[in-house]
């Protein structure tokens, strides 16, 4: 079980966006960058084109809720940014859970058996 700290600084976000590997689908994009600390840090964001601040905040809340389902079973794989796309607003919750699981496995942060 990994304990995740929050990514807060703009410079940390920029470093992960620039140098991290990307795994994504039509709902979610994960940016993952090893940090060599042995602990995971997580940041949440949404596409600017998703709409108003209210809609973007709703996307980020859904991403945090999705991530919290998998956090106890994840290994610390470095710094991670979860970017929610506009399609998250209208998609079924179960499909979003499947999407997040698939991307975490593909990114190497979650075991396939989970």
Protein backbone atom coordinates (compact mmCIF):
# COMPACT_ATOMS: atom_id res chain seq x y z
CA UNK A 1 0.00 0.00 0.00
CA UNK A 2 1.39 3.37 -1.00
CA UNK A 3 0.80 6.71 0.65
CA UNK A 4 0.42 9.49 -1.87
CA UNK A 5 1.33 13.11 -1.29
CA UNK A 6 -0.13 15.87 -3.45
CA UNK A 7 1.74 17.59 -6.27
CA UNK A 8 1.16 21.29 -5.73
CA UNK A 9 3.86 23.36 -7.36
CA UNK A 10 3.61 24.46 -10.96
CA UNK A 11 7.23 23.45 -11.54
CA UNK A 12 6.49 19.88 -10.42
CA UNK A 13 3.52 19.68 -12.78
CA UNK A 14 5.63 21.05 -15.63
CA UNK A 15 8.42 18.54 -15.03
CA UNK A 16 6.02 15.59 -15.05
CA UNK A 17 4.24 16.87 -18.18
CA UNK A 18 7.55 17.39 -20.00
CA UNK A 19 9.54 14.30 -19.00
CA UNK A 20 6.94 11.77 -17.86
CA UNK A 21 5.60 8.87 -19.89
CA UNK A 22 2.00 9.12 -21.02
CA UNK A 23 -0.77 6.55 -20.92
CA UNK A 24 -4.28 7.53 -21.93
CA UNK A 25 -7.63 6.86 -23.51
CA UNK A 26 -10.69 8.93 -24.39
CA UNK A 27 -11.50 9.73 -20.75
CA UNK A 28 -8.25 9.96 -18.79
CA UNK A 29 -4.56 10.62 -19.43
CA UNK A 30 -1.90 9.60 -16.90
CA UNK A 31 1.52 11.25 -16.86
CA UNK A 32 4.00 9.18 -14.82
CA UNK A 33 7.56 10.13 -13.89
CA UNK A 34 9.77 8.24 -11.44
CA UNK A 35 11.05 10.46 -8.66
CA UNK A 36 13.52 8.17 -6.84
CA UNK A 37 11.98 8.96 -3.45
CA UNK A 38 10.14 5.72 -2.81
CA UNK A 39 6.91 7.62 -2.31
CA UNK A 40 4.24 8.58 -4.77
CA UNK A 41 2.95 12.07 -5.40
CA UNK A 42 -0.26 12.74 -7.28
CA UNK A 43 -1.78 15.76 -9.00
CA UNK A 44 -5.16 16.19 -10.66
CA UNK A 45 -6.04 18.45 -13.55
CA UNK A 46 -8.55 18.77 -16.36
CA UNK A 47 -8.55 20.01 -19.92
CA UNK A 48 -9.08 23.71 -20.32
CA UNK A 49 -11.40 22.97 -23.22
CA UNK A 50 -13.72 21.02 -20.89
CA UNK A 51 -15.69 24.17 -20.20
CA UNK A 52 -16.26 26.50 -17.29
CA UNK A 53 -14.44 26.32 -13.96
CA UNK A 54 -17.44 24.52 -12.47
CA UNK A 55 -17.19 21.73 -15.06
CA UNK A 56 -13.39 21.46 -14.72
CA UNK A 57 -13.69 21.23 -10.94
CA UNK A 58 -16.29 18.49 -11.29
CA UNK A 59 -13.92 16.54 -13.53
CA UNK A 60 -11.14 16.86 -10.95
CA UNK A 61 -13.46 15.71 -8.15
CA UNK A 62 -14.44 12.64 -10.18
CA UNK A 63 -10.76 11.88 -10.88
CA UNK A 64 -9.90 12.11 -7.16
CA UNK A 65 -12.79 9.78 -6.30
CA UNK A 66 -11.69 7.30 -8.99
CA UNK A 67 -8.10 7.37 -7.82
CA UNK A 68 -9.11 6.80 -4.19
CA UNK A 69 -10.64 3.45 -5.20
CA UNK A 70 -7.24 2.15 -6.35
CA UNK A 71 -4.82 4.00 -4.04
CA UNK A 72 -4.68 1.30 -1.30
CA UNK A 73 -3.60 -1.36 -3.83
CA UNK A 74 -1.11 0.75 -5.79
CA UNK A 75 2.65 0.78 -5.57
CA UNK A 76 4.45 4.09 -5.46
CA UNK A 77 5.49 4.65 -9.06
CA UNK A 78 6.76 8.21 -8.68
CA UNK A 79 5.06 11.45 -9.55
CA UNK A 80 1.76 11.09 -11.36
CA UNK A 81 -0.70 13.52 -12.91
CA UNK A 82 -4.25 12.44 -13.69
CA UNK A 83 -5.78 14.56 -16.45
CA UNK A 84 -9.53 14.22 -16.93
CA UNK A 85 -11.01 14.93 -20.33
CA UNK A 86 -14.38 16.47 -21.12
CA UNK A 87 -15.93 13.03 -21.73
CA UNK A 88 -15.64 12.29 -17.98
CA UNK A 89 -18.61 14.57 -17.30
CA UNK A 90 -21.10 12.50 -19.27
CA UNK A 91 -19.67 8.98 -18.95
CA UNK A 92 -20.99 6.18 -16.76
CA UNK A 93 -19.08 5.66 -13.47
CA UNK A 94 -18.40 1.95 -14.11
CA UNK A 95 -16.80 2.71 -17.46
CA UNK A 96 -14.57 5.32 -15.79
CA UNK A 97 -13.52 2.79 -13.14
CA UNK A 98 -12.57 0.30 -15.88
CA UNK A 99 -10.67 3.01 -17.73
CA UNK A 100 -8.69 4.05 -14.64
CA UNK A 101 -7.86 0.43 -13.78
CA UNK A 102 -6.67 -0.28 -17.32
CA UNK A 103 -4.47 2.82 -17.41
CA UNK A 104 -2.93 2.19 -13.97
CA UNK A 105 -2.05 -1.38 -14.99
CA UNK A 106 -0.65 -0.17 -18.31
CA UNK A 107 1.39 2.49 -16.51
CA UNK A 108 2.87 -0.08 -14.13
CA UNK A 109 1.35 1.37 -10.96
CA UNK A 110 -1.20 -1.36 -10.29
CA UNK A 111 -0.90 -5.13 -10.39
CA UNK A 112 -3.00 -6.87 -13.07
CA UNK A 113 -4.70 -9.08 -10.49
CA UNK A 114 -6.40 -6.13 -8.78
